Amino acid sequence: MGSRTRDAVLASLARDVDLVRVLVGEPARLATLGGADAEAAWGTLAVGFSGPTMVPARWQVGP
């Protein structure tokens, strides 16, 4: 991921969540983790999903 702005990160997450749905089903739970600084947090965002199969999936902004 080149840009780690809010819009770029959300666009990547929106694209990749379709794969999450295929792997774990429709997410029933969602948890997020990021840095304390609101602007810098987008570059370190991690999102955890779990669906009806209870198999966890994690999405994270890569280097």
PDB file of N, CA and C in Angstrom:
ATOM      1  N   MET A   1       0.844  -1.158   0.000  1.00  0.00           N
ATOM      2  CA  MET A   1       0.000   0.000   0.000  1.00  0.00           C
ATOM      3  C   MET A   1       0.898   1.231   0.000  1.00  0.00           C
ATOM      4  N   GLY A   2       0.785   2.046  -1.016  1.00  0.00           N
ATOM      5  CA  GLY A   2       1.619   3.234  -1.111  1.00  0.00           C
ATOM      6  C   GLY A   2       1.219   4.315  -0.127  1.00  0.00           C
ATOM      7  N   SER A   3       0.001   4.774  -0.235  1.00  0.00           N
ATOM      8  CA  SER A   3      -0.486   5.846   0.629  1.00  0.00           C
ATOM      9  C   SER A   3      -1.214   5.253   1.833  1.00  0.00           C
ATOM     10  N   ARG A   4      -0.985   5.836   2.990  1.00  0.00           N
ATOM     11  CA  ARG A   4      -1.650   5.350   4.204  1.00  0.00           C
ATOM     12  C   ARG A   4      -2.610   6.394   4.757  1.00  0.00           C
ATOM     13  N   THR A   5      -3.211   7.138   3.860  1.00  0.00           N
ATOM     14  CA  THR A   5      -4.214   8.115   4.272  1.00  0.00           C
ATOM     15  C   THR A   5      -5.501   7.382   4.625  1.00  0.00           C
ATOM     16  N   ARG A   6      -6.387   8.069   5.284  1.00  0.00           N
ATOM     17  CA  ARG A   6      -7.671   7.480   5.673  1.00  0.00           C
ATOM     18  C   ARG A   6      -8.394   6.903   4.452  1.00  0.00           C
ATOM     19  N   ASP A   7      -8.498   7.691   3.380  1.00  0.00           N
ATOM     20  CA  ASP A   7      -9.218   7.241   2.191  1.00  0.00           C
ATOM     21  C   ASP A   7      -8.568   6.017   1.548  1.00  0.00           C
ATOM     22  N   ALA A   8      -7.240   5.999   1.466  1.00  0.00           N
ATOM     23  CA  ALA A   8      -6.538   4.869   0.855  1.00  0.00           C
ATOM     24  C   ALA A   8      -6.700   3.601   1.685  1.00  0.00           C
ATOM     25  N   VAL A   9      -6.602   3.729   3.001  1.00  0.00           N
ATOM     26  CA  VAL A   9      -6.742   2.563   3.878  1.00  0.00           C
ATOM     27  C   VAL A   9      -8.165   2.019   3.811  1.00  0.00           C
ATOM     28  N   LEU A  10      -9.162   2.899   3.867  1.00  0.00           N
ATOM     29  CA  LEU A  10     -10.552   2.437   3.801  1.00  0.00           C
ATOM     30  C   LEU A  10     -10.878   1.802   2.454  1.00  0.00           C
ATOM     31  N   ALA A  11     -10.308   2.318   1.369  1.00  0.00           N
ATOM     32  CA  ALA A  11     -10.525   1.719   0.050  1.00  0.00           C
ATOM     33  C   ALA A  11      -9.932   0.313  -0.008  1.00  0.00           C
ATOM     34  N   SER A  12      -8.746   0.126   0.544  1.00  0.00           N
ATOM     35  CA  SER A  12      -8.121  -1.204   0.569  1.00  0.00           C
ATOM     36  C   SER A  12      -8.915  -2.174   1.432  1.00  0.00           C
ATOM     37  N   LEU A  13      -9.367  -1.701   2.575  1.00  0.00           N
ATOM     38  CA  LEU A  13     -10.165  -2.554   3.455  1.00  0.00           C
ATOM     39  C   LEU A  13     -11.472  -2.954   2.780  1.00  0.00           C
ATOM     40  N   ALA A  14     -12.139  -2.017   2.137  1.00  0.00           N
ATOM     41  CA  ALA A  14     -13.395  -2.317   1.451  1.00  0.00           C
ATOM     42  C   ALA A  14     -13.189  -3.364   0.360  1.00  0.00           C
ATOM     43  N   ARG A  15     -12.076  -3.272  -0.355  1.00  0.00           N
ATOM     44  CA  ARG A  15     -11.773  -4.251  -1.408  1.00  0.00           C
ATOM     45  C   ARG A  15     -11.491  -5.632  -0.816  1.00  0.00           C
ATOM     46  N   ASP A  16     -10.704  -5.665   0.257  1.00  0.00           N
ATOM     47  CA  ASP A  16     -10.267  -6.936   0.827  1.00  0.00           C
ATOM     48  C   ASP A  16     -11.326  -7.630   1.676  1.00  0.00           C
ATOM     49  N   VAL A  17     -12.316  -6.889   2.153  1.00  0.00           N
ATOM     50  CA  VAL A  17     -13.322  -7.507   3.018  1.00  0.00           C
ATOM     51  C   VAL A  17     -14.143  -8.551   2.248  1.00  0.00           C
ATOM     52  N   ASP A  18     -14.214  -8.437   0.922  1.00  0.00           N
ATOM     53  CA  ASP A  18     -14.895  -9.472   0.137  1.00  0.00           C
ATOM     54  C   ASP A  18     -14.198 -10.822   0.295  1.00  0.00           C
ATOM     55  N   LEU A  19     -12.880 -10.815   0.335  1.00  0.00           N
ATOM     56  CA  LEU A  19     -12.122 -12.048   0.559  1.00  0.00           C
ATOM     57  C   LEU A  19     -12.373 -12.582   1.967  1.00  0.00           C
ATOM     58  N   VAL A  20     -12.450 -11.694   2.933  1.00  0.00           N
ATOM     59  CA  VAL A  20     -12.758 -12.107   4.312  1.00  0.00           C
ATOM     60  C   VAL A  20     -14.106 -12.823   4.348  1.00  0.00           C
ATOM     61  N   ARG A  21     -15.082 -12.291   3.635  1.00  0.00           N
ATOM     62  CA  ARG A  21     -16.414 -12.922   3.598  1.00  0.00           C
ATOM     63  C   ARG A  21     -16.345 -14.333   3.018  1.00  0.00           C
ATOM     64  N   VAL A  22     -15.526 -14.528   2.004  1.00  0.00           N
ATOM     65  CA  VAL A  22     -15.372 -15.856   1.404  1.00  0.00           C
ATOM     66  C   VAL A  22     -14.727 -16.818   2.400  1.00  0.00           C
ATOM     67  N   LEU A  23     -13.738 -16.340   3.149  1.00  0.00           N
ATOM     68  CA  LEU A  23     -12.984 -17.209   4.060  1.00  0.00           C
ATOM     69  C   LEU A  23     -13.718 -17.530   5.360  1.00  0.00           C
ATOM     70  N   VAL A  24     -14.382 -16.540   5.958  1.00  0.00           N
ATOM     71  CA  VAL A  24     -14.981 -16.765   7.286  1.00  0.00           C
ATOM     72  C   VAL A  24     -16.483 -16.552   7.315  1.00  0.00           C
ATOM     73  N   GLY A  25     -17.086 -16.223   6.192  1.00  0.00           N
ATOM     74  CA  GLY A  25     -18.515 -15.937   6.174  1.00  0.00           C
ATOM     75  C   GLY A  25     -18.759 -14.471   6.497  1.00  0.00           C
ATOM     76  N   GLU A  26     -20.019 -14.105   6.555  1.00  0.00           N
ATOM     77  CA  GLU A  26     -20.376 -12.715   6.857  1.00  0.00           C
ATOM     78  C   GLU A  26     -19.903 -12.371   8.265  1.00  0.00           C
ATOM     79  N   PRO A  27     -19.065 -11.360   8.408  1.00  0.00           N
ATOM     80  CA  PRO A  27     -18.535 -11.031   9.734  1.00  0.00           C
ATOM     81  C   PRO A  27     -19.644 -10.699  10.734  1.00  0.00           C
ATOM     82  N   ALA A  28     -19.585 -11.346  11.883  1.00  0.00           N
ATOM     83  CA  ALA A  28     -20.538 -11.080  12.957  1.00  0.00           C
ATOM     84  C   ALA A  28     -19.927 -10.137  13.983  1.00  0.00           C
ATOM     85  N   ARG A  29     -18.609 -10.168  14.114  1.00  0.00           N
ATOM     86  CA  ARG A  29     -17.900  -9.308  15.065  1.00  0.00           C
ATOM     87  C   ARG A  29     -16.732  -8.643  14.362  1.00  0.00           C
ATOM     88  N   LEU A  30     -16.430  -7.453  14.830  1.00  0.00           N
ATOM     89  CA  LEU A  30     -15.363  -6.655  14.256  1.00  0.00           C
ATOM     90  C   LEU A  30     -14.641  -5.957  15.397  1.00  0.00           C
ATOM     91  N   ALA A  31     -13.324  -6.000  15.365  1.00  0.00           N
ATOM     92  CA  ALA A  31     -12.514  -5.297  16.363  1.00  0.00           C
ATOM     93  C   ALA A  31     -11.409  -4.550  15.629  1.00  0.00           C
ATOM     94  N   THR A  32     -11.106  -3.346  16.080  1.00  0.00           N
ATOM     95  CA  THR A  32     -10.060  -2.554  15.433  1.00  0.00           C
ATOM     96  C   THR A  32      -8.969  -2.189  16.423  1.00  0.00           C
ATOM     97  N   LEU A  33      -7.790  -1.983  15.881  1.00  0.00           N
ATOM     98  CA  LEU A  33      -6.637  -1.594  16.680  1.00  0.00           C
ATOM     99  C   LEU A  33      -5.819  -0.610  15.852  1.00  0.00           C
ATOM    100  N   GLY A  34      -5.420   0.482  16.464  1.00  0.00           N
ATOM    101  CA  GLY A  34      -4.611   1.481  15.766  1.00  0.00           C
ATOM    102  C   GLY A  34      -3.831   2.301  16.773  1.00  0.00           C
ATOM    103  N   GLY A  35      -3.048   3.203  16.277  1.00  0.00           N
ATOM    104  CA  GLY A  35      -2.249   4.057  17.148  1.00  0.00           C
ATOM    105  C   GLY A  35      -3.090   5.104  17.867  1.00  0.00           C
ATOM    106  N   ALA A  36      -2.487   5.758  18.852  1.00  0.00           N
ATOM    107  CA  ALA A  36      -3.195   6.752  19.665  1.00  0.00           C
ATOM    108  C   ALA A  36      -3.466   8.045  18.894  1.00  0.00           C
ATOM    109  N   ASP A  37      -2.556   8.430  18.009  1.00  0.00           N
ATOM    110  CA  ASP A  37      -2.734   9.644  17.216  1.00  0.00           C
ATOM    111  C   ASP A  37      -3.711   9.348  16.080  1.00  0.00           C
ATOM    112  N   ALA A  38      -4.801  10.088  16.011  1.00  0.00           N
ATOM    113  CA  ALA A  38      -5.864   9.803  15.045  1.00  0.00           C
ATOM    114  C   ALA A  38      -5.364   9.775  13.599  1.00  0.00           C
ATOM    115  N   GLU A  39      -4.526  10.714  13.209  1.00  0.00           N
ATOM    116  CA  GLU A  39      -4.025  10.733  11.833  1.00  0.00           C
ATOM    117  C   GLU A  39      -3.035   9.605  11.560  1.00  0.00           C
ATOM    118  N   ALA A  40      -2.151   9.317  12.484  1.00  0.00           N
ATOM    119  CA  ALA A  40      -1.152   8.265  12.293  1.00  0.00           C
ATOM    120  C   ALA A  40      -1.760   6.874  12.417  1.00  0.00           C
ATOM    121  N   ALA A  41      -2.904   6.761  13.064  1.00  0.00           N
ATOM    122  CA  ALA A  41      -3.527   5.455  13.293  1.00  0.00           C
ATOM    123  C   ALA A  41      -3.884   4.742  11.992  1.00  0.00           C
ATOM    124  N   TRP A  42      -4.215   5.483  10.946  1.00  0.00           N
ATOM    125  CA  TRP A  42      -4.598   4.840   9.687  1.00  0.00           C
ATOM    126  C   TRP A  42      -3.455   4.019   9.104  1.00  0.00           C
ATOM    127  N   GLY A  43      -2.231   4.424   9.305  1.00  0.00           N
ATOM    128  CA  GLY A  43      -1.075   3.706   8.777  1.00  0.00           C
ATOM    129  C   GLY A  43      -0.739   2.436   9.526  1.00  0.00           C
ATOM    130  N   THR A  44      -1.358   2.236  10.687  1.00  0.00           N
ATOM    131  CA  THR A  44      -1.093   1.039  11.496  1.00  0.00           C
ATOM    132  C   THR A  44      -2.369   0.270  11.809  1.00  0.00           C
ATOM    133  N   LEU A  45      -3.437   0.564  11.099  1.00  0.00           N
ATOM    134  CA  LEU A  45      -4.736  -0.037  11.398  1.00  0.00           C
ATOM    135  C   LEU A  45      -4.718  -1.555  11.236  1.00  0.00           C
ATOM    136  N   ALA A  46      -5.308  -2.239  12.193  1.00  0.00           N
ATOM    137  CA  ALA A  46      -5.529  -3.687  12.121  1.00  0.00           C
ATOM    138  C   ALA A  46      -6.994  -3.932  12.458  1.00  0.00           C
ATOM    139  N   VAL A  47      -7.630  -4.819  11.708  1.00  0.00           N
ATOM    140  CA  VAL A  47      -9.045  -5.125  11.907  1.00  0.00           C
ATOM    141  C   VAL A  47      -9.190  -6.631  12.054  1.00  0.00           C
ATOM    142  N   GLY A  48      -9.873  -7.052  13.094  1.00  0.00           N
ATOM    143  CA  GLY A  48     -10.141  -8.469  13.311  1.00  0.00           C
ATOM    144  C   GLY A  48     -11.601  -8.770  13.022  1.00  0.00           C
ATOM    145  N   PHE A  49     -11.849  -9.859  12.334  1.00  0.00           N
ATOM    146  CA  PHE A  49     -13.205 -10.279  11.988  1.00  0.00           C
ATOM    147  C   PHE A  49     -13.443 -11.681  12.524  1.00  0.00           C
ATOM    148  N   SER A  50     -14.663 -11.975  12.892  1.00  0.00           N
ATOM    149  CA  SER A  50     -15.060 -13.363  13.121  1.00  0.00           C
ATOM    150  C   SER A  50     -16.476 -13.515  12.597  1.00  0.00           C
ATOM    151  N   GLY A  51     -16.740 -14.678  12.032  1.00  0.00           N
ATOM    152  CA  GLY A  51     -18.030 -14.926  11.417  1.00  0.00           C
ATOM    153  C   GLY A  51     -18.734 -16.094  12.066  1.00  0.00           C
ATOM    154  N   PRO A  52     -19.735 -16.614  11.395  1.00  0.00           N
ATOM    155  CA  PRO A  52     -20.536 -17.705  11.956  1.00  0.00           C
ATOM    156  C   PRO A  52     -19.733 -18.988  12.195  1.00  0.00           C
ATOM    157  N   THR A  53     -18.623 -19.168  11.490  1.00  0.00           N
ATOM    158  CA  THR A  53     -17.803 -20.369  11.686  1.00  0.00           C
ATOM    159  C   THR A  53     -16.858 -20.221  12.871  1.00  0.00           C
ATOM    160  N   MET A  54     -16.800 -18.995  13.446  1.00  0.00           N
ATOM    161  CA  MET A  54     -15.925 -18.667  14.574  1.00  0.00           C
ATOM    162  C   MET A  54     -14.441 -18.765  14.208  1.00  0.00           C
ATOM    163  N   VAL A  55     -14.133 -18.753  12.921  1.00  0.00           N
ATOM    164  CA  VAL A  55     -12.749 -18.716  12.461  1.00  0.00           C
ATOM    165  C   VAL A  55     -12.339 -17.246  12.385  1.00  0.00           C
ATOM    166  N   PRO A  56     -11.311 -16.848  13.113  1.00  0.00           N
ATOM    167  CA  PRO A  56     -10.920 -15.440  13.085  1.00  0.00           C
ATOM    168  C   PRO A  56     -10.118 -15.096  11.828  1.00  0.00           C
ATOM    169  N   ALA A  57     -10.262 -13.868  11.380  1.00  0.00           N
ATOM    170  CA  ALA A  57      -9.465 -13.349  10.269  1.00  0.00           C
ATOM    171  C   ALA A  57      -8.961 -11.978  10.687  1.00  0.00           C
ATOM    172  N   ARG A  58      -7.760 -11.633  10.268  1.00  0.00           N
ATOM    173  CA  ARG A  58      -7.188 -10.339  10.617  1.00  0.00           C
ATOM    174  C   ARG A  58      -6.721  -9.640   9.353  1.00  0.00           C
ATOM    175  N   TRP A  59      -7.071  -8.395   9.243  1.00  0.00           N
ATOM    176  CA  TRP A  59      -6.637  -7.545   8.147  1.00  0.00           C
ATOM    177  C   TRP A  59      -5.768  -6.456   8.744  1.00  0.00           C
ATOM    178  N   GLN A  60      -4.652  -6.140   8.084  1.00  0.00           N
ATOM    179  CA  GLN A  60      -3.722  -5.161   8.639  1.00  0.00           C
ATOM    180  C   GLN A  60      -3.065  -4.376   7.512  1.00  0.00           C
ATOM    181  N   VAL A  61      -2.839  -3.101   7.751  1.00  0.00           N
ATOM    182  CA  VAL A  61      -2.100  -2.282   6.794  1.00  0.00           C
ATOM    183  C   VAL A  61      -0.675  -2.817   6.738  1.00  0.00           C
ATOM    184  N   GLY A  62      -0.223  -3.141   5.543  1.00  0.00           N
ATOM    185  CA  GLY A  62       1.109  -3.713   5.387  1.00  0.00           C
ATOM    186  C   GLY A  62       2.172  -2.656   5.161  1.00  0.00           C
ATOM    187  N   PRO A  63       3.411  -3.090   5.150  1.00  0.00           N
ATOM    188  CA  PRO A  63       4.522  -2.145   4.945  1.00  0.00           C
ATOM    189  C   PRO A  63       4.533  -1.568   3.540  1.00  0.00           C
TER     190      PRO A  63
END
